[in-house]
Amino acid sequence: MITILDGGMSRELMRLNAPFRQPEWSALALYEQPEAVQQVHEDFILNGANIITTNSYALVPFHIGEQRFKTDSRTLADLAGKLARNAVKKANVAGVKIAGSIPPLFGSYRPDLFQATRVNEIALPLIKGLSPYVDIWLCETQSSIIEPQSIKPLLPDNRPLWVSFTLQDDEPSAQPCLRSGETVQQAVEKMIELAVGAILFNCCQPEVIASALQITRQTLIQHNAEHIQIGAYANAFAPQPKNATANDGLDEVRADLDPPAYYQWAKTWQQAGATIIGGCCGIGTEHIRYLSEHLNNH
């Protein structure tokens, strides 16, 4: 059975005409229209998502600024968790779980901005705010190995940790790499050492994911770690060049990734061993419904 993740929060907020702009990104709705965040969660659940992800991705200084982060981050993380919990209760669909999103602490796609001395300062308010509500910890859109390695010791208990890496997708490569240049095999070996529950790939083009999943599966087999699940949730953007930042502007969504087309990519991930599949930026409720209706009947 395939576990179906939700899709991207940001474009669904836009669809509901919720407040949304750069640099706050999806955090703005937590300030100005939190009921829209809950509605997006409910919509994903009712369209087949088995796991919804808290709207905590933009709760970092990179997006909301240093001052608002200091004053608001834990309160906003608590609100994000609460909205997800409320959506699960209201949708009343059995078995839905909540993944607590721990985002790139210093900006998406920018491993060069990582600051080891600030990890605790930025991660702990999010972890403490989300902790009462989540079933799974999800470090997502990770561009390098060091960041999830730094997060793991801060987690409060033995709830599963899933780590999702974003891949270089702006130029062809014989070997799939993280945006840091580290190889997928290196990342998988380090995640085995961390005893993660799942290794995923997200927020990159679907074209680069299957080979990363194949290497992941091979590496897990070599290390007798096949109990670790693997998965994918691509975005619908054009390739993101090196040193791009997530708040340069609003990227155009690819016209060729409608639900049936996205499903074709998802099938290749399933064939490569993925058991967790969903969507990232630009992948909406209609995509998730299509995956839910077709993947487990494939």
Protein backbone atom coordinates (compact mmCIF):
# COMPACT_ATOMS: atom_id res chain seq x y z
CA MET A 1 0.00 0.00 0.00
CA ILE A 2 1.11 3.52 -0.80
CA THR A 3 0.82 6.14 1.93
CA ILE A 4 -0.53 9.32 0.32
CA LEU A 5 0.96 12.61 1.50
CA ASP A 6 -0.78 15.92 0.98
CA GLY A 7 0.31 18.49 -1.61
CA GLY A 8 1.62 22.03 -1.49
CA MET A 9 0.00 24.42 0.98
CA SER A 10 0.93 27.70 -0.70
CA ARG A 11 -0.94 27.43 -4.00
CA GLU A 12 -4.00 26.05 -2.22
CA LEU A 13 -4.03 29.14 -0.01
CA MET A 14 -3.88 31.23 -3.16
CA ARG A 15 -6.80 29.25 -4.59
CA LEU A 16 -8.84 30.16 -1.50
CA ASN A 17 -7.84 33.83 -1.90
CA ALA A 18 -6.11 33.74 1.46
CA PRO A 19 -3.42 36.35 2.18
CA PHE A 20 -0.26 35.20 0.46
CA ARG A 21 2.85 37.06 -0.65
CA GLN A 22 6.61 37.02 -0.41
CA PRO A 23 8.60 36.94 1.78
CA GLU A 24 6.15 35.59 4.39
CA TRP A 25 4.93 32.87 2.02
CA SER A 26 2.43 30.53 3.68
CA ALA A 27 3.11 31.99 7.15
CA LEU A 28 1.06 35.06 6.28
CA ALA A 29 -2.20 33.10 6.50
CA LEU A 30 -1.36 32.07 10.06
CA TYR A 31 -1.32 35.76 10.97
CA GLU A 32 -4.29 36.93 8.92
CA GLN A 33 -6.56 34.01 7.96
CA PRO A 34 -5.75 30.83 9.89
CA GLU A 35 -9.11 29.30 9.03
CA ALA A 36 -7.87 29.05 5.42
CA VAL A 37 -4.96 26.89 6.55
CA GLN A 38 -7.35 24.51 8.29
CA GLN A 39 -9.53 24.43 5.18
CA VAL A 40 -6.57 23.41 3.00
CA HIS A 41 -5.74 20.59 5.41
CA GLU A 42 -9.35 19.40 5.33
CA ASP A 43 -9.43 19.55 1.54
CA PHE A 44 -6.33 17.37 1.28
CA ILE A 45 -7.75 14.84 3.72
CA LEU A 46 -11.07 14.67 1.89
CA ASN A 47 -9.18 14.17 -1.37
CA GLY A 48 -7.32 11.14 -0.06
CA ALA A 49 -4.26 12.30 1.91
CA ASN A 50 -3.27 9.88 4.67
CA ILE A 51 -0.78 12.38 6.09
CA ILE A 52 -1.10 16.16 6.29
CA THR A 53 1.88 18.42 6.93
CA THR A 54 1.76 21.34 9.35
CA ASN A 55 1.94 24.82 7.87
CA SER A 56 5.19 25.60 9.65
CA TYR A 57 7.50 25.67 6.64
CA ALA A 58 7.86 29.47 6.54
CA LEU A 59 8.19 30.02 10.30
CA VAL A 60 11.86 30.91 10.09
CA PRO A 61 13.69 34.27 10.04
CA PHE A 62 14.37 33.80 6.33
CA HIS A 63 10.64 34.31 5.72
CA ILE A 64 9.09 36.21 8.64
CA GLY A 65 12.16 38.21 9.70
CA GLU A 66 14.30 38.11 12.82
CA GLN A 67 12.05 40.19 15.06
CA ARG A 68 8.82 38.38 14.31
CA PHE A 69 10.63 35.09 14.64
CA LYS A 70 11.77 36.04 18.16
CA THR A 71 8.31 37.09 19.28
CA ASP A 72 5.99 34.82 17.32
CA SER A 73 7.67 31.60 16.19
CA ARG A 74 6.60 29.26 18.99
CA THR A 75 3.05 30.67 19.09
CA LEU A 76 2.72 30.32 15.32
CA ALA A 77 4.11 26.77 15.40
CA ASP A 78 1.57 25.89 18.09
CA LEU A 79 -1.18 27.38 15.92
CA ALA A 80 0.02 25.44 12.87
CA GLY A 81 -0.13 22.21 14.86
CA LYS A 82 -3.53 23.03 16.30
CA LEU A 83 -5.01 23.80 12.87
CA ALA A 84 -3.79 20.45 11.55
CA ARG A 85 -5.25 18.66 14.58
CA ASN A 86 -8.58 20.48 14.14
CA ALA A 87 -8.68 19.54 10.46
CA VAL A 88 -8.15 15.86 11.25
CA LYS A 89 -10.98 15.95 13.77
CA LYS A 90 -13.36 17.84 11.48
CA ALA A 91 -12.66 15.74 8.39
CA ASN A 92 -13.28 12.63 10.49
CA VAL A 93 -11.37 10.26 8.21
CA ALA A 94 -9.86 7.30 10.02
CA GLY A 95 -6.10 6.90 10.26
CA VAL A 96 -4.96 10.35 9.12
CA LYS A 97 -1.65 11.38 10.70
CA ILE A 98 0.06 14.74 11.13
CA ALA A 99 3.65 15.37 10.03
CA GLY A 100 5.37 18.25 11.79
CA SER A 101 7.24 20.22 9.13
CA ILE A 102 10.73 21.27 10.16
CA PRO A 103 11.87 23.38 7.21
CA PRO A 104 15.33 24.41 6.03
CA LEU A 105 16.24 26.74 8.88
CA PHE A 106 18.19 29.19 6.74
CA GLY A 107 16.35 29.17 3.41
CA SER A 108 15.30 26.66 0.78
CA TYR A 109 17.95 25.46 -1.70
CA ARG A 110 20.72 27.32 0.16
CA PRO A 111 23.04 24.93 2.00
CA ASP A 112 25.65 27.69 1.87
CA LEU A 113 23.62 29.72 4.40
CA PHE A 114 23.69 27.03 7.10
CA GLN A 115 24.84 28.30 10.52
CA ALA A 116 25.50 25.54 13.04
CA THR A 117 25.56 28.02 15.92
CA ARG A 118 21.93 29.06 15.29
CA VAL A 119 20.30 25.65 14.85
CA ASN A 120 18.99 25.39 18.42
CA GLU A 121 17.76 28.98 18.42
CA ILE A 122 15.64 28.49 15.30
CA ALA A 123 14.63 24.83 15.51
CA LEU A 124 13.58 24.57 19.14
CA PRO A 125 10.66 27.03 19.07
CA LEU A 126 9.20 25.14 16.11
CA ILE A 127 9.73 21.74 17.72
CA LYS A 128 8.24 22.87 21.05
CA GLY A 129 5.26 24.51 19.39
CA LEU A 130 4.46 21.55 17.15
CA SER A 131 5.21 18.77 19.63
CA PRO A 132 1.72 18.43 21.21
CA TYR A 133 0.11 17.79 17.84
CA VAL A 134 2.30 15.74 15.50
CA ASP A 135 2.68 12.02 14.90
CA ILE A 136 5.79 12.24 12.71
CA TRP A 137 8.66 14.73 12.49
CA LEU A 138 9.38 15.70 8.89
CA CYS A 139 12.62 17.52 8.06
CA GLU A 140 11.80 18.54 4.52
CA THR A 141 13.47 20.22 1.56
CA GLN A 142 16.85 19.53 3.10
CA SER A 143 19.71 20.60 0.83
CA SER A 144 22.53 19.04 2.85
CA ILE A 145 23.21 16.23 5.28
CA ILE A 146 24.31 18.41 8.21
CA GLU A 147 20.95 20.01 8.84
CA PRO A 148 18.91 16.88 9.69
CA GLN A 149 21.92 15.60 11.60
CA SER A 150 21.69 18.78 13.69
CA ILE A 151 17.93 18.47 14.18
CA LYS A 152 17.77 14.86 15.36
CA PRO A 153 19.27 15.45 18.85
CA LEU A 154 16.73 18.22 19.50
CA LEU A 155 13.64 16.05 19.03
CA PRO A 156 11.89 15.33 22.32
CA ASP A 157 10.94 11.66 22.01
CA ASN A 158 10.89 8.58 19.82
CA ARG A 159 8.27 9.64 17.31
CA PRO A 160 9.46 8.73 13.80
CA LEU A 161 11.78 11.15 12.03
CA TRP A 162 11.36 11.34 8.27
CA VAL A 163 13.95 13.27 6.26
CA SER A 164 13.25 14.59 2.78
CA PHE A 165 16.06 15.94 0.61
CA THR A 166 15.81 18.27 -2.37
CA LEU A 167 17.93 17.42 -5.40
CA GLN A 168 19.86 19.37 -7.99
CA ASP A 169 17.53 19.63 -10.97
CA ASP A 170 18.95 22.42 -13.12
CA GLU A 171 21.38 20.34 -15.16
CA PRO A 172 21.68 16.67 -16.13
CA SER A 173 23.83 14.57 -13.82
CA ALA A 174 24.99 10.98 -14.00
CA GLN A 175 24.66 10.73 -10.23
CA PRO A 176 21.79 12.41 -8.35
CA CYS A 177 23.03 14.88 -5.76
CA LEU A 178 21.63 17.07 -3.05
CA ARG A 179 21.83 20.80 -3.71
CA SER A 180 24.96 20.81 -1.54
CA GLY A 181 26.69 18.53 -4.06
CA GLU A 182 26.68 15.58 -1.63
CA THR A 183 25.58 12.36 -3.28
CA VAL A 184 22.34 10.58 -2.54
CA GLN A 185 24.30 7.52 -1.43
CA GLN A 186 26.21 9.61 1.13
CA ALA A 187 22.97 11.08 2.41
CA VAL A 188 21.29 7.69 2.73
CA GLU A 189 24.23 6.20 4.62
CA LYS A 190 24.14 9.08 7.12
CA MET A 191 20.36 8.75 7.53
CA ILE A 192 20.79 5.05 8.31
CA GLU A 193 23.14 6.11 11.10
CA LEU A 194 20.45 8.52 12.37
CA ALA A 195 17.91 5.68 12.43
CA VAL A 196 15.32 7.65 10.48
CA GLY A 197 11.97 6.12 9.67
CA ALA A 198 11.84 7.27 6.06
CA ILE A 199 14.01 8.92 3.40
CA LEU A 200 12.20 11.02 0.81
CA PHE A 201 12.91 13.48 -1.99
CA ASN A 202 10.86 16.65 -2.49
CA CYS A 203 10.73 20.15 -3.93
CA CYS A 204 12.57 19.27 -7.12
CA GLN A 205 11.40 18.25 -10.56
CA PRO A 206 9.84 14.80 -10.88
CA GLU A 207 12.35 13.89 -13.60
CA VAL A 208 15.28 13.63 -11.16
CA ILE A 209 13.61 11.60 -8.43
CA ALA A 210 13.41 8.02 -9.76
CA SER A 211 17.18 7.56 -9.99
CA ALA A 212 17.57 8.93 -6.45
CA LEU A 213 15.01 6.42 -5.20
CA GLN A 214 16.81 3.57 -6.97
CA ILE A 215 20.11 4.50 -5.32
CA THR A 216 18.36 4.86 -1.97
CA ARG A 217 16.83 1.41 -2.24
CA GLN A 218 20.13 -0.17 -3.30
CA THR A 219 21.98 1.50 -0.43
CA LEU A 220 19.39 0.41 2.12
CA ILE A 221 19.67 -3.17 0.88
CA GLN A 222 23.48 -3.04 1.10
CA HIS A 223 23.27 -1.88 4.71
CA ASN A 224 20.46 -4.25 5.77
CA ALA A 225 18.23 -1.23 6.41
CA GLU A 226 15.24 -2.12 4.25
CA HIS A 227 12.92 -1.29 7.17
CA ILE A 228 13.45 2.40 6.31
CA GLN A 229 10.67 3.56 3.99
CA ILE A 230 11.34 5.68 0.92
CA GLY A 231 9.16 8.21 -0.84
CA ALA A 232 8.80 11.29 -3.00
CA TYR A 233 6.80 14.48 -3.46
CA ALA A 234 7.95 16.63 -6.35
CA ASN A 235 7.16 20.24 -7.12
CA ALA A 236 5.62 21.60 -10.31
CA PHE A 237 8.22 24.28 -10.94
CA ALA A 238 10.81 24.64 -13.65
CA PRO A 239 14.39 23.69 -12.64
CA GLN A 240 15.74 25.83 -9.81
CA PRO A 241 19.29 27.09 -10.49
CA LYS A 242 22.06 27.05 -7.94
CA ASN A 243 21.90 29.89 -5.40
CA ALA A 244 18.22 30.48 -6.13
CA THR A 245 16.26 31.46 -3.04
CA ALA A 246 12.72 30.56 -2.15
CA ASN A 247 11.51 34.15 -1.81
CA ASP A 248 12.83 35.66 -5.04
CA GLY A 249 9.27 35.64 -6.39
CA LEU A 250 6.41 33.32 -7.29
CA ASP A 251 7.49 30.62 -9.70
CA GLU A 252 5.27 29.62 -12.60
CA VAL A 253 3.67 26.20 -12.34
CA ARG A 254 4.40 23.80 -15.21
CA ALA A 255 1.46 23.28 -17.55
CA ASP A 256 2.52 19.71 -18.33
CA LEU A 257 2.02 18.36 -14.81
CA ASP A 258 -1.73 17.89 -14.63
CA PRO A 259 -2.97 15.06 -12.36
CA PRO A 260 -2.69 12.23 -14.94
CA ALA A 261 0.82 13.35 -15.95
CA TYR A 262 1.95 13.62 -12.34
CA TYR A 263 0.53 10.16 -11.68
CA GLN A 264 2.74 8.75 -14.44
CA TRP A 265 5.80 10.03 -12.57
CA ALA A 266 4.42 8.67 -9.32
CA LYS A 267 4.13 5.23 -10.90
CA THR A 268 7.85 5.30 -11.73
CA TRP A 269 8.58 6.17 -8.10
CA GLN A 270 6.38 3.32 -6.93
CA GLN A 271 8.25 0.95 -9.26
CA ALA A 272 11.53 2.24 -7.79
CA GLY A 273 10.37 1.27 -4.31
CA ALA A 274 8.55 4.33 -2.99
CA THR A 275 5.81 3.59 -0.46
CA ILE A 276 5.13 7.25 0.47
CA ILE A 277 4.03 9.58 -2.34
CA GLY A 278 2.53 13.07 -2.40
CA GLY A 279 3.17 16.51 -3.81
CA CYS A 280 5.08 19.69 -3.05
CA CYS A 281 4.74 23.25 -4.42
CA GLY A 282 2.13 23.52 -7.16
CA ILE A 283 0.71 20.02 -6.60
CA GLY A 284 -2.87 20.50 -5.46
CA THR A 285 -5.86 18.64 -4.14
CA GLU A 286 -6.84 17.37 -7.59
CA HIS A 287 -3.41 15.72 -7.94
CA ILE A 288 -3.72 14.08 -4.53
CA ARG A 289 -7.19 12.77 -5.34
CA TYR A 290 -5.87 11.25 -8.57
CA LEU A 291 -2.95 9.60 -6.76
CA SER A 292 -5.26 8.28 -4.07
CA GLU A 293 -7.68 6.84 -6.60
CA HIS A 294 -5.05 5.21 -8.85
CA LEU A 295 -1.82 4.33 -7.02
CA ASN A 296 -3.18 1.66 -4.71
CA ASN A 297 -5.11 0.12 -7.58
CA HIS A 298 -2.05 0.00 -9.85
